N, C-alpha and C. Protein backbone atom coordinates (compact mmCIF):
# COMPACT_ATOMS: atom_id res chain seq x y z
N MET A 1 -29.78 -39.87 24.56
CA MET A 1 -29.04 -40.41 23.66
C MET A 1 -27.76 -40.35 24.13
N THR A 2 -26.87 -41.11 23.57
CA THR A 2 -25.41 -41.44 24.12
C THR A 2 -24.71 -40.67 23.18
N ALA A 3 -23.70 -40.31 24.23
CA ALA A 3 -22.12 -39.71 23.49
C ALA A 3 -22.05 -39.85 22.24
N VAL A 4 -22.03 -41.25 22.01
CA VAL A 4 -21.57 -41.94 20.65
C VAL A 4 -22.81 -41.77 19.61
N THR A 5 -23.86 -41.59 19.76
CA THR A 5 -24.96 -41.14 19.16
C THR A 5 -25.02 -39.82 18.92
N ARG A 6 -24.67 -38.38 19.70
CA ARG A 6 -24.62 -37.52 19.66
C ARG A 6 -23.52 -36.62 18.46
N PHE A 7 -22.48 -37.46 18.94
CA PHE A 7 -21.36 -37.39 17.84
C PHE A 7 -21.54 -37.39 16.34
N ARG A 8 -22.29 -38.92 16.11
CA ARG A 8 -22.56 -39.16 14.91
C ARG A 8 -23.08 -38.02 14.10
N THR A 9 -24.48 -37.37 14.99
CA THR A 9 -25.26 -36.54 14.44
C THR A 9 -24.54 -35.65 13.96
N ALA A 10 -23.79 -35.14 15.08
CA ALA A 10 -22.78 -33.75 14.57
C ALA A 10 -22.09 -33.71 13.35
N VAL A 11 -21.66 -35.15 13.04
CA VAL A 11 -20.67 -35.30 12.22
C VAL A 11 -21.92 -35.46 10.75
N ALA A 12 -22.68 -35.70 10.89
CA ALA A 12 -23.83 -35.77 9.87
C ALA A 12 -24.07 -34.25 9.51
N LEU A 13 -24.18 -33.23 10.51
CA LEU A 13 -24.43 -31.85 10.19
C LEU A 13 -23.27 -31.34 9.84
N LEU A 14 -22.09 -32.06 9.96
CA LEU A 14 -20.86 -31.25 9.46
C LEU A 14 -20.66 -31.42 8.02
N VAL A 15 -21.62 -32.78 7.19
CA VAL A 15 -21.14 -32.67 6.16
C VAL A 15 -22.19 -31.83 5.76
N GLY A 16 -23.48 -31.82 5.83
CA GLY A 16 -24.34 -31.06 5.21
C GLY A 16 -23.79 -29.28 5.49
N ALA A 17 -23.39 -28.68 6.55
CA ALA A 17 -23.06 -27.77 6.62
C ALA A 17 -21.60 -27.33 5.82
N ALA A 18 -20.60 -28.21 6.13
CA ALA A 18 -19.81 -27.86 5.38
C ALA A 18 -19.87 -27.71 3.60
N LEU A 19 -20.72 -28.81 3.08
CA LEU A 19 -21.05 -28.64 1.17
C LEU A 19 -21.74 -26.95 1.69
N LEU A 20 -22.77 -26.52 2.46
CA LEU A 20 -23.47 -25.42 2.44
C LEU A 20 -22.38 -24.27 2.59
N LEU A 21 -21.70 -24.51 3.57
CA LEU A 21 -20.34 -23.40 3.93
C LEU A 21 -19.60 -22.57 2.78
N THR A 22 -18.93 -23.91 2.14
CA THR A 22 -18.36 -23.89 0.81
C THR A 22 -18.98 -23.92 -0.73
N GLY A 23 -20.15 -23.23 -0.81
CA GLY A 23 -21.45 -23.25 -1.94
C GLY A 23 -20.74 -21.24 -2.26
N CYS A 24 -21.48 -21.27 -3.11
CA CYS A 24 -21.38 -19.76 -3.59
C CYS A 24 -22.46 -19.31 -4.00
N LYS A 25 -22.73 -17.98 -4.76
CA LYS A 25 -24.35 -17.50 -4.91
C LYS A 25 -24.72 -17.96 -5.96
N ASP A 26 -25.59 -18.45 -6.85
CA ASP A 26 -26.25 -18.11 -7.83
C ASP A 26 -25.66 -17.24 -8.79
N VAL A 27 -25.64 -15.92 -8.52
CA VAL A 27 -25.39 -14.78 -9.01
C VAL A 27 -23.79 -14.89 -9.90
N ASP A 28 -23.20 -15.75 -9.34
CA ASP A 28 -22.00 -15.58 -9.57
C ASP A 28 -21.68 -16.41 -10.99
N GLN A 29 -22.72 -17.13 -11.36
CA GLN A 29 -22.61 -17.87 -12.57
C GLN A 29 -23.47 -17.44 -14.05
N PRO A 30 -22.38 -17.27 -14.75
CA PRO A 30 -23.07 -16.61 -16.04
C PRO A 30 -23.52 -16.93 -16.65
N ALA A 31 -24.96 -16.16 -17.10
CA ALA A 31 -25.87 -17.11 -17.93
C ALA A 31 -25.55 -17.95 -19.01
N GLY A 32 -24.55 -17.59 -19.29
CA GLY A 32 -24.28 -18.70 -20.76
C GLY A 32 -23.48 -20.24 -20.22
N GLY A 33 -23.61 -20.02 -18.84
CA GLY A 33 -22.73 -21.72 -18.57
C GLY A 33 -21.42 -21.20 -18.08
N PRO A 34 -20.32 -22.17 -17.70
CA PRO A 34 -19.40 -22.03 -17.31
C PRO A 34 -18.46 -22.02 -18.32
N GLN A 35 -17.36 -21.03 -18.07
CA GLN A 35 -16.20 -20.44 -18.73
C GLN A 35 -15.69 -21.96 -19.35
N ARG A 36 -15.22 -21.90 -20.70
CA ARG A 36 -14.53 -22.83 -21.50
C ARG A 36 -13.28 -22.90 -20.86
N GLY A 37 -13.07 -24.42 -20.23
CA GLY A 37 -12.00 -24.50 -19.72
C GLY A 37 -12.11 -24.51 -18.15
N ALA A 38 -12.83 -24.23 -17.91
CA ALA A 38 -12.92 -23.97 -16.22
C ALA A 38 -13.23 -25.45 -15.50
N ALA A 39 -13.26 -25.36 -14.13
CA ALA A 39 -13.59 -26.69 -13.70
C ALA A 39 -15.10 -26.30 -13.58
N ALA A 40 -15.41 -27.79 -13.52
CA ALA A 40 -17.22 -28.30 -13.19
C ALA A 40 -17.52 -28.15 -11.60
N ALA A 41 -18.53 -27.40 -11.70
CA ALA A 41 -19.12 -27.26 -10.51
C ALA A 41 -20.61 -27.73 -9.87
N PRO A 42 -20.81 -28.29 -8.91
CA PRO A 42 -22.39 -28.50 -8.59
C PRO A 42 -23.03 -27.15 -8.93
N GLN A 43 -24.22 -27.30 -9.26
CA GLN A 43 -25.59 -26.44 -9.43
C GLN A 43 -25.46 -25.63 -8.29
N GLY A 44 -25.59 -24.11 -8.67
CA GLY A 44 -25.79 -23.35 -7.49
C GLY A 44 -24.00 -22.57 -6.86
N VAL A 45 -22.99 -23.30 -7.45
CA VAL A 45 -21.38 -22.62 -7.22
C VAL A 45 -21.23 -22.14 -8.60
N ALA A 46 -20.14 -21.38 -8.16
CA ALA A 46 -19.59 -20.49 -9.20
C ALA A 46 -18.90 -21.38 -9.71
N ALA A 47 -18.28 -21.34 -11.15
CA ALA A 47 -17.63 -21.89 -11.91
C ALA A 47 -16.82 -21.00 -12.27
N VAL A 48 -16.86 -19.61 -12.23
CA VAL A 48 -16.16 -18.78 -12.78
C VAL A 48 -15.93 -17.35 -11.76
N ALA A 49 -14.98 -16.83 -10.93
CA ALA A 49 -14.93 -15.84 -10.14
C ALA A 49 -14.66 -14.58 -11.17
N GLU A 50 -16.03 -14.35 -11.29
CA GLU A 50 -16.45 -13.04 -12.00
C GLU A 50 -15.85 -11.89 -11.57
N GLY A 51 -15.38 -10.63 -11.94
CA GLY A 51 -15.51 -9.40 -11.22
C GLY A 51 -13.99 -9.35 -11.50
N PRO A 52 -13.18 -8.19 -10.79
CA PRO A 52 -12.11 -7.43 -10.85
C PRO A 52 -11.06 -8.82 -9.80
N HIS A 53 -9.78 -9.18 -9.68
CA HIS A 53 -9.28 -9.83 -8.42
C HIS A 53 -7.93 -8.90 -8.64
N ASN A 54 -7.32 -9.16 -7.49
CA ASN A 54 -5.43 -9.05 -7.34
C ASN A 54 -4.79 -9.93 -7.32
N ALA A 55 -3.25 -9.33 -7.53
CA ALA A 55 -2.49 -10.25 -6.86
C ALA A 55 -2.63 -11.41 -5.57
N TYR A 56 -3.14 -10.96 -4.47
CA TYR A 56 -2.99 -11.95 -3.35
C TYR A 56 -4.33 -12.69 -3.75
N ASP A 57 -5.49 -12.58 -4.34
CA ASP A 57 -6.44 -13.33 -4.80
C ASP A 57 -5.72 -14.80 -5.43
N VAL A 58 -4.91 -14.33 -6.47
CA VAL A 58 -4.17 -15.37 -7.01
C VAL A 58 -3.05 -16.39 -5.80
N LEU A 59 -2.39 -15.64 -5.34
CA LEU A 59 -1.76 -16.26 -4.48
C LEU A 59 -2.27 -17.07 -3.20
N PHE A 60 -3.62 -16.38 -2.71
CA PHE A 60 -4.18 -17.13 -1.97
C PHE A 60 -4.93 -18.50 -2.27
N LEU A 61 -5.46 -18.44 -3.39
CA LEU A 61 -5.49 -19.85 -3.98
C LEU A 61 -4.91 -20.65 -4.56
N GLN A 62 -3.59 -20.04 -5.32
CA GLN A 62 -2.35 -21.18 -5.07
C GLN A 62 -1.93 -21.81 -3.88
N MET A 63 -2.03 -20.93 -2.84
CA MET A 63 -1.53 -21.51 -1.84
C MET A 63 -2.49 -22.38 -1.08
N MET A 64 -3.68 -21.81 -1.43
CA MET A 64 -4.94 -23.02 -0.46
C MET A 64 -4.66 -24.07 -1.30
N ILE A 65 -4.66 -24.24 -2.75
CA ILE A 65 -4.59 -25.64 -3.37
C ILE A 65 -3.48 -26.23 -2.78
N GLY A 66 -2.29 -25.95 -2.50
CA GLY A 66 -1.38 -26.69 -2.17
C GLY A 66 -1.60 -27.07 -0.74
N HIS A 67 -1.75 -26.05 0.22
CA HIS A 67 -2.26 -26.36 1.41
C HIS A 67 -3.61 -27.70 1.51
N GLN A 68 -4.35 -27.52 1.11
CA GLN A 68 -5.54 -28.49 0.99
C GLN A 68 -5.04 -29.90 0.06
N ARG A 69 -4.08 -29.79 -0.66
CA ARG A 69 -3.38 -31.38 -1.19
C ARG A 69 -3.00 -31.91 -0.43
N GLN A 70 -2.01 -31.45 0.76
CA GLN A 70 -1.54 -31.96 1.78
C GLN A 70 -2.75 -32.53 2.70
N GLY A 71 -3.55 -31.63 2.82
CA GLY A 71 -4.52 -32.17 3.98
C GLY A 71 -5.26 -33.57 3.14
N LEU A 72 -5.70 -33.52 1.67
CA LEU A 72 -6.14 -34.64 1.21
C LEU A 72 -5.14 -35.74 1.43
N GLU A 73 -4.05 -35.90 1.44
CA GLU A 73 -3.34 -36.74 1.98
C GLU A 73 -3.49 -37.37 3.26
N MET A 74 -3.35 -36.11 4.24
CA MET A 74 -3.75 -36.67 5.33
C MET A 74 -4.89 -37.50 5.92
N LEU A 75 -5.97 -37.00 5.30
CA LEU A 75 -7.32 -37.29 5.40
C LEU A 75 -7.48 -38.83 4.62
N LYS A 76 -6.95 -38.94 3.58
CA LYS A 76 -6.79 -40.50 3.09
C LYS A 76 -6.24 -41.32 3.99
N LEU A 77 -5.32 -40.94 4.87
CA LEU A 77 -5.01 -41.78 6.17
C LEU A 77 -5.87 -41.91 7.23
N GLY A 78 -6.62 -40.92 7.54
CA GLY A 78 -7.65 -40.95 8.25
C GLY A 78 -8.72 -41.91 8.26
N LYS A 79 -8.95 -42.20 6.89
CA LYS A 79 -10.10 -43.03 6.48
C LYS A 79 -9.69 -44.44 6.88
N ALA A 80 -8.42 -44.54 6.12
CA ALA A 80 -8.10 -45.88 6.05
C ALA A 80 -7.15 -46.74 7.39
N LYS A 81 -6.77 -45.14 8.52
CA LYS A 81 -6.19 -45.84 9.54
C LYS A 81 -6.84 -45.93 11.05
N GLY A 82 -8.21 -44.80 10.76
CA GLY A 82 -8.47 -44.51 12.00
C GLY A 82 -9.21 -45.36 12.61
N VAL A 83 -9.15 -45.53 13.96
CA VAL A 83 -9.65 -46.56 14.73
C VAL A 83 -11.34 -46.28 15.08
N ARG A 84 -11.52 -45.14 15.81
CA ARG A 84 -13.04 -45.04 16.22
C ARG A 84 -13.91 -44.39 14.54
N GLU A 85 -15.12 -45.28 14.83
CA GLU A 85 -15.74 -44.68 13.52
C GLU A 85 -16.10 -43.37 13.32
N ASP A 86 -16.37 -42.65 14.44
CA ASP A 86 -16.30 -41.17 14.41
C ASP A 86 -15.37 -40.39 13.70
N VAL A 87 -14.02 -40.57 13.73
CA VAL A 87 -12.86 -40.55 12.90
C VAL A 87 -12.80 -40.42 11.74
N VAL A 88 -13.28 -41.75 11.26
CA VAL A 88 -13.24 -42.16 10.23
C VAL A 88 -14.25 -41.10 9.00
N ASN A 89 -15.35 -41.33 9.92
CA ASN A 89 -16.37 -40.59 9.10
C ASN A 89 -16.35 -39.06 8.89
N LEU A 90 -15.35 -38.66 10.00
CA LEU A 90 -15.07 -37.07 9.74
C LEU A 90 -14.20 -36.98 8.76
N ALA A 91 -13.20 -37.51 8.73
CA ALA A 91 -11.96 -37.66 7.83
C ALA A 91 -12.62 -37.95 6.48
N GLY A 92 -13.38 -38.58 6.19
CA GLY A 92 -14.44 -38.85 4.80
C GLY A 92 -15.00 -37.86 4.45
N ALA A 93 -15.85 -37.44 5.85
CA ALA A 93 -16.65 -35.67 5.46
C ALA A 93 -15.62 -34.76 4.91
N ILE A 94 -14.37 -34.24 5.62
CA ILE A 94 -14.01 -33.23 5.39
C ILE A 94 -13.20 -33.63 3.49
N ASP A 95 -12.72 -34.80 3.38
CA ASP A 95 -12.06 -35.28 2.01
C ASP A 95 -12.91 -35.05 1.08
N VAL A 96 -14.51 -34.95 1.21
CA VAL A 96 -15.19 -34.76 0.10
C VAL A 96 -15.45 -33.66 -0.18
N VAL A 97 -15.35 -32.38 0.63
CA VAL A 97 -15.25 -30.98 0.87
C VAL A 97 -14.26 -30.39 0.10
N GLU A 98 -13.15 -31.15 0.65
CA GLU A 98 -11.83 -30.33 0.34
C GLU A 98 -11.24 -30.67 -1.06
N ALA A 99 -11.58 -31.71 -1.78
CA ALA A 99 -11.52 -32.24 -3.06
C ALA A 99 -12.27 -31.49 -3.81
N GLU A 100 -13.47 -31.22 -3.47
CA GLU A 100 -14.22 -30.33 -4.22
C GLU A 100 -13.75 -28.97 -4.20
N GLU A 101 -13.26 -28.60 -3.40
CA GLU A 101 -12.74 -26.98 -3.37
C GLU A 101 -11.69 -26.80 -3.98
N VAL A 102 -10.95 -27.64 -4.22
CA VAL A 102 -9.50 -27.72 -4.69
C VAL A 102 -10.07 -27.80 -6.22
N ASP A 103 -10.90 -28.38 -7.05
CA ASP A 103 -11.14 -28.74 -8.14
C ASP A 103 -11.96 -27.03 -8.54
N ARG A 104 -12.64 -26.46 -7.68
CA ARG A 104 -13.03 -25.26 -7.90
C ARG A 104 -12.02 -24.04 -8.12
N MET A 105 -11.34 -24.31 -6.84
CA MET A 105 -9.90 -23.26 -6.79
C MET A 105 -9.13 -23.23 -8.52
N LYS A 106 -9.04 -24.15 -8.74
CA LYS A 106 -8.15 -24.48 -10.01
C LYS A 106 -8.72 -24.04 -11.26
N GLY A 107 -10.43 -24.21 -11.00
CA GLY A 107 -11.04 -23.44 -12.32
C GLY A 107 -10.99 -22.24 -12.17
N TRP A 108 -11.17 -21.26 -11.07
CA TRP A 108 -11.06 -19.84 -10.70
C TRP A 108 -9.71 -19.45 -11.64
N LEU A 109 -8.61 -19.96 -11.11
CA LEU A 109 -7.40 -19.57 -11.63
C LEU A 109 -7.35 -19.71 -12.94
N THR A 110 -7.71 -21.07 -13.54
CA THR A 110 -7.75 -21.17 -15.34
C THR A 110 -8.60 -19.97 -15.84
N GLY A 111 -9.23 -19.91 -15.21
CA GLY A 111 -10.77 -18.53 -15.73
C GLY A 111 -10.04 -17.30 -16.03
N TRP A 112 -8.84 -17.23 -14.96
CA TRP A 112 -8.00 -16.02 -14.82
C TRP A 112 -6.74 -15.84 -15.76
N ASN A 113 -6.37 -17.13 -16.24
CA ASN A 113 -5.61 -17.55 -17.39
C ASN A 113 -4.01 -17.69 -15.90
N GLU A 114 -4.39 -17.91 -14.99
CA GLU A 114 -3.35 -17.88 -13.74
C GLU A 114 -2.84 -19.55 -13.69
N GLN A 115 -1.33 -19.73 -13.41
CA GLN A 115 -1.17 -20.87 -13.23
C GLN A 115 -1.94 -21.11 -11.52
N ALA A 116 -2.56 -23.05 -11.64
CA ALA A 116 -3.07 -23.30 -11.14
C ALA A 116 -2.36 -23.93 -9.84
N THR A 117 -0.97 -23.57 -9.71
CA THR A 117 0.03 -24.38 -8.82
C THR A 117 1.13 -23.14 -8.46
N GLY A 118 1.26 -22.96 -7.17
CA GLY A 118 2.27 -21.88 -6.96
C GLY A 118 3.62 -22.48 -5.96
N SER A 119 4.07 -21.92 -5.32
CA SER A 119 5.18 -22.41 -4.50
C SER A 119 4.64 -23.11 -3.34
N ASP A 120 5.33 -24.50 -2.91
CA ASP A 120 4.38 -25.33 -1.85
C ASP A 120 4.99 -24.95 -0.63
N ASP A 121 6.30 -24.03 -0.48
CA ASP A 121 7.03 -23.59 0.53
C ASP A 121 6.03 -22.12 1.04
N HIS A 122 5.00 -22.79 1.69
CA HIS A 122 4.17 -21.86 2.70
C HIS A 122 4.92 -20.89 3.50
N SER A 123 6.15 -21.07 4.05
CA SER A 123 6.41 -20.19 4.78
C SER A 123 7.66 -18.96 3.97
N SER A 124 7.83 -19.40 3.00
CA SER A 124 8.18 -18.57 1.96
C SER A 124 6.98 -17.30 2.05
N HIS A 125 6.03 -17.57 2.31
CA HIS A 125 5.00 -16.51 2.21
C HIS A 125 4.06 -16.34 3.91
N ALA A 126 5.25 -16.31 4.48
CA ALA A 126 4.84 -15.75 5.91
C ALA A 126 3.94 -14.57 6.08
N ALA A 127 4.57 -13.21 5.19
CA ALA A 127 4.13 -12.43 4.97
C ALA A 127 2.27 -12.03 4.92
N HIS A 128 2.16 -13.14 3.57
CA HIS A 128 0.94 -13.03 3.08
C HIS A 128 -0.19 -14.51 3.83
N GLY A 129 0.54 -14.61 5.23
CA GLY A 129 -0.71 -15.69 6.12
C GLY A 129 -0.07 -16.59 5.78
N GLY A 130 0.71 -17.51 4.84
CA GLY A 130 1.28 -18.54 4.78
C GLY A 130 2.07 -18.90 5.70
N GLN A 131 1.85 -20.17 6.43
CA GLN A 131 2.54 -20.84 7.48
C GLN A 131 3.16 -21.65 7.36
N PRO A 132 4.19 -22.49 8.17
CA PRO A 132 5.16 -23.43 7.71
C PRO A 132 4.10 -24.63 7.13
N ALA A 133 4.27 -25.26 6.07
CA ALA A 133 3.17 -26.01 5.72
C ALA A 133 3.49 -27.53 6.68
N THR A 134 2.57 -28.50 6.29
CA THR A 134 2.59 -29.83 6.87
C THR A 134 3.50 -30.55 5.95
N GLY A 135 4.92 -30.99 6.71
CA GLY A 135 5.75 -31.56 6.00
C GLY A 135 6.01 -32.77 6.19
N GLU A 136 6.71 -33.47 5.18
CA GLU A 136 7.05 -34.82 4.70
C GLU A 136 7.20 -35.75 6.01
N ALA A 137 7.94 -35.40 7.03
CA ALA A 137 8.15 -35.59 8.57
C ALA A 137 7.07 -36.37 8.88
N GLU A 138 6.19 -35.03 9.25
CA GLU A 138 4.95 -35.01 9.82
C GLU A 138 3.74 -36.46 9.32
N ILE A 139 3.72 -36.27 7.60
CA ILE A 139 2.82 -37.22 7.18
C ILE A 139 3.59 -38.70 7.46
N LYS A 140 4.63 -38.87 7.40
CA LYS A 140 5.52 -40.33 7.69
C LYS A 140 5.00 -40.52 8.84
N ALA A 141 5.45 -39.86 10.09
CA ALA A 141 4.84 -40.16 10.97
C ALA A 141 3.75 -40.65 11.09
N LEU A 142 2.81 -39.91 10.86
CA LEU A 142 1.15 -40.42 10.37
C LEU A 142 1.17 -41.79 9.84
N ARG A 143 2.25 -42.12 8.93
CA ARG A 143 2.27 -43.65 8.07
C ARG A 143 1.92 -44.62 9.02
N ASP A 144 3.21 -44.13 9.61
CA ASP A 144 4.14 -45.24 10.59
C ASP A 144 3.54 -45.41 12.23
N ALA A 145 2.20 -44.77 12.50
CA ALA A 145 1.73 -45.05 13.51
C ALA A 145 0.45 -45.74 13.34
N SER A 146 0.01 -46.07 14.27
CA SER A 146 -1.38 -47.10 14.45
C SER A 146 -2.31 -46.86 15.61
N GLY A 147 -3.27 -47.34 15.62
CA GLY A 147 -4.56 -47.64 16.48
C GLY A 147 -4.42 -46.03 17.35
N ALA A 148 -5.08 -46.04 18.70
CA ALA A 148 -4.85 -44.73 18.96
C ALA A 148 -3.74 -43.75 18.98
N ASP A 149 -2.49 -44.30 18.90
CA ASP A 149 -1.47 -43.43 18.89
C ASP A 149 -1.82 -42.82 17.36
N PHE A 150 -2.08 -43.21 16.10
CA PHE A 150 -2.36 -42.70 14.91
C PHE A 150 -3.41 -41.53 15.13
N GLU A 151 -4.58 -42.00 15.97
CA GLU A 151 -5.22 -40.60 15.96
C GLU A 151 -5.09 -39.56 16.59
N THR A 152 -4.43 -39.86 17.65
CA THR A 152 -4.13 -38.41 18.52
C THR A 152 -3.21 -37.68 17.23
N LYS A 153 -2.16 -38.35 16.86
CA LYS A 153 -1.58 -37.54 15.83
C LYS A 153 -2.19 -36.88 14.66
N PHE A 154 -2.87 -37.83 13.93
CA PHE A 154 -3.81 -37.42 13.03
C PHE A 154 -4.87 -36.40 13.68
N LEU A 155 -5.50 -36.33 14.67
CA LEU A 155 -6.62 -35.27 14.85
C LEU A 155 -5.38 -33.85 15.60
N ASN A 156 -4.36 -33.98 15.99
CA ASN A 156 -3.55 -32.80 16.78
C ASN A 156 -3.00 -32.40 15.08
N LEU A 157 -2.50 -32.86 14.26
CA LEU A 157 -2.08 -32.39 13.02
C LEU A 157 -3.04 -31.88 12.51
N LEU A 158 -4.46 -32.48 12.10
CA LEU A 158 -5.41 -31.63 11.20
C LEU A 158 -5.88 -30.99 11.83
N ILE A 159 -5.93 -30.21 13.22
CA ILE A 159 -6.56 -29.21 14.12
C ILE A 159 -5.13 -28.31 13.62
N ALA A 160 -4.27 -28.62 13.74
CA ALA A 160 -3.27 -27.26 13.56
C ALA A 160 -3.25 -27.06 11.98
N HIS A 161 -3.19 -28.11 11.20
CA HIS A 161 -3.76 -27.91 9.68
C HIS A 161 -4.76 -26.87 9.58
N GLN A 162 -5.83 -27.09 9.82
CA GLN A 162 -7.38 -26.38 9.68
C GLN A 162 -7.22 -25.15 10.01
N HIS A 163 -6.52 -25.15 11.26
CA HIS A 163 -6.20 -23.65 11.93
C HIS A 163 -5.61 -22.73 11.06
N ASN A 164 -4.50 -23.35 10.32
CA ASN A 164 -3.78 -22.67 9.06
C ASN A 164 -4.49 -21.92 8.36
N ALA A 165 -5.60 -23.14 7.56
CA ALA A 165 -6.40 -22.57 6.84
C ALA A 165 -7.12 -21.30 7.34
N VAL A 166 -7.81 -21.01 8.38
CA VAL A 166 -8.56 -20.04 8.59
C VAL A 166 -7.51 -18.92 8.69
N GLU A 167 -6.34 -18.83 9.36
CA GLU A 167 -5.44 -17.32 9.20
C GLU A 167 -5.58 -17.31 7.70
N MET A 168 -5.02 -17.86 6.69
CA MET A 168 -4.85 -17.85 5.32
C MET A 168 -6.11 -17.20 5.11
N ALA A 169 -7.43 -17.56 5.15
CA ALA A 169 -8.59 -17.11 4.99
C ALA A 169 -8.81 -15.54 5.36
N GLN A 170 -8.43 -15.21 6.56
CA GLN A 170 -8.65 -14.30 7.65
C GLN A 170 -7.75 -12.99 6.58
N GLN A 171 -6.37 -13.49 6.35
CA GLN A 171 -5.60 -12.67 5.63
C GLN A 171 -6.24 -12.50 3.83
N LEU A 172 -6.97 -13.42 3.31
CA LEU A 172 -7.16 -12.84 2.31
C LEU A 172 -8.65 -12.06 2.18
N LYS A 173 -9.63 -12.09 3.55
CA LYS A 173 -10.59 -11.27 3.67
C LYS A 173 -9.95 -9.83 3.90
N ALA A 174 -8.78 -9.59 4.34
CA ALA A 174 -8.53 -8.31 4.85
C ALA A 174 -7.94 -7.85 3.27
N ASN A 175 -6.93 -8.47 2.24
CA ASN A 175 -5.90 -8.34 1.39
C ASN A 175 -6.40 -8.47 -0.04
N GLY A 176 -7.45 -9.07 -0.13
CA GLY A 176 -8.15 -10.00 -1.46
C GLY A 176 -9.02 -8.55 -2.43
N GLN A 177 -9.23 -9.16 -3.47
CA GLN A 177 -10.28 -8.11 -4.19
C GLN A 177 -11.83 -8.71 -4.82
N ASN A 178 -11.34 -10.17 -4.98
CA ASN A 178 -12.55 -10.66 -5.69
C ASN A 178 -13.51 -10.83 -4.75
N SER A 179 -14.69 -10.42 -5.23
CA SER A 179 -15.81 -11.07 -4.50
C SER A 179 -16.35 -12.35 -4.32
N THR A 180 -16.19 -13.29 -5.13
CA THR A 180 -16.56 -14.38 -5.17
C THR A 180 -15.52 -15.45 -4.08
N VAL A 181 -13.96 -14.84 -4.22
CA VAL A 181 -12.79 -15.52 -3.73
C VAL A 181 -13.02 -15.21 -2.29
N LYS A 182 -13.52 -13.62 -2.00
CA LYS A 182 -13.60 -13.12 -0.70
C LYS A 182 -14.67 -14.11 0.45
N GLN A 183 -15.81 -14.71 -0.69
CA GLN A 183 -16.87 -15.20 0.41
C GLN A 183 -16.57 -16.70 0.44
N PHE A 184 -15.72 -17.21 -0.60
CA PHE A 184 -15.03 -18.53 -0.15
C PHE A 184 -14.36 -18.42 0.84
N ALA A 185 -13.60 -17.72 0.90
CA ALA A 185 -12.89 -17.59 2.24
C ALA A 185 -13.32 -17.02 3.63
N GLU A 186 -14.47 -16.89 3.71
CA GLU A 186 -15.52 -16.51 4.68
C GLU A 186 -15.81 -17.87 4.94
N ARG A 187 -16.39 -18.82 3.91
CA ARG A 187 -16.76 -20.18 4.01
C ARG A 187 -15.72 -21.22 4.66
N ILE A 188 -14.66 -20.94 4.31
CA ILE A 188 -13.56 -21.14 4.43
C ILE A 188 -13.24 -21.60 6.04
N GLU A 189 -13.32 -19.99 6.63
CA GLU A 189 -12.81 -19.60 8.08
C GLU A 189 -14.15 -20.60 8.93
N LEU A 190 -15.16 -20.42 8.51
CA LEU A 190 -16.41 -20.87 9.53
C LEU A 190 -16.62 -22.23 9.41
N SER A 191 -16.10 -22.89 8.20
CA SER A 191 -15.75 -24.85 8.17
C SER A 191 -15.19 -25.07 9.07
N ARG A 192 -13.45 -24.68 8.92
CA ARG A 192 -12.78 -25.23 9.32
C ARG A 192 -12.90 -25.08 10.85
N THR A 193 -13.51 -23.57 11.39
CA THR A 193 -13.30 -23.72 12.52
C THR A 193 -14.47 -24.40 13.58
N GLN A 194 -15.38 -25.15 12.31
CA GLN A 194 -16.41 -26.24 13.24
C GLN A 194 -15.76 -27.29 12.96
N GLN A 195 -14.89 -27.89 12.03
CA GLN A 195 -13.91 -28.75 11.95
C GLN A 195 -13.18 -28.97 13.41
N ILE A 196 -12.39 -27.91 13.33
CA ILE A 196 -11.52 -27.70 14.65
C ILE A 196 -12.26 -28.25 16.10
N SER A 197 -13.57 -27.32 15.97
CA SER A 197 -14.41 -27.87 17.34
C SER A 197 -14.42 -29.57 17.68
N GLN A 198 -14.81 -29.98 16.34
CA GLN A 198 -15.73 -31.23 16.02
C GLN A 198 -13.78 -32.09 16.76
N MET A 199 -13.20 -31.91 16.11
CA MET A 199 -11.67 -32.47 16.38
C MET A 199 -11.65 -32.50 17.77
N LEU A 200 -11.39 -31.02 18.59
CA LEU A 200 -11.01 -31.23 19.68
C LEU A 200 -11.82 -31.88 20.92
N ALA A 201 -13.26 -32.09 20.47
CA ALA A 201 -14.20 -32.80 21.17
C ALA A 201 -13.73 -34.65 21.23
N LEU A 202 -13.26 -34.62 19.75
CA LEU A 202 -12.52 -36.32 19.75
C LEU A 202 -11.51 -36.65 20.48
N VAL A 203 -10.35 -35.57 20.60
CA VAL A 203 -9.26 -35.47 20.92
C VAL A 203 -9.52 -36.04 22.66
N SER A 204 -10.83 -34.98 23.29
CA SER A 204 -10.98 -34.77 24.66
C SER A 204 -11.63 -36.01 25.26
N GLY A 205 -12.22 -36.80 24.11
CA GLY A 205 -13.16 -37.92 24.18
C GLY A 205 -12.31 -39.55 24.51
């Protein structure tokens, strides 16, 4: 098996694993179906985060929505400008997962009668696990880059971005209250750690 074939197999496994890791238990789905106004969720995925929650759960979801919106912008560039097929496929796989996650988090906040958006200034929430957000300067650098230079910038920036998500998830696990959101944070930590490993292999390759 060639190195390219091995990596393509890894990307395929990433798609399935990430979708699995971002799922929640069926028991979180109320018997009467999704709450009115909540975001639609695939079968087996909680549309409503039932049970008690605290202010940190709300803050985490609001911050993560903003964080992943930035990630989705980067991923669109990766799909459009990536040179190697492996980079394009990886960006596409992550894009699918994170777009669904954003919809789900917005649905949970709506179910709690909370705003689905908060401050985009992650540095203002450093004490809560928020790190400096990927700024417009970094996104512009990606837009302006091309070829191998683009891929290097894209992979390194996305590695840092996903590491940020791991740190946020770890903070939620320590400070949050809602069991569904805590399970979600665990899945974020696992899936992003796996994605980072895949991208490090691409950078070194």
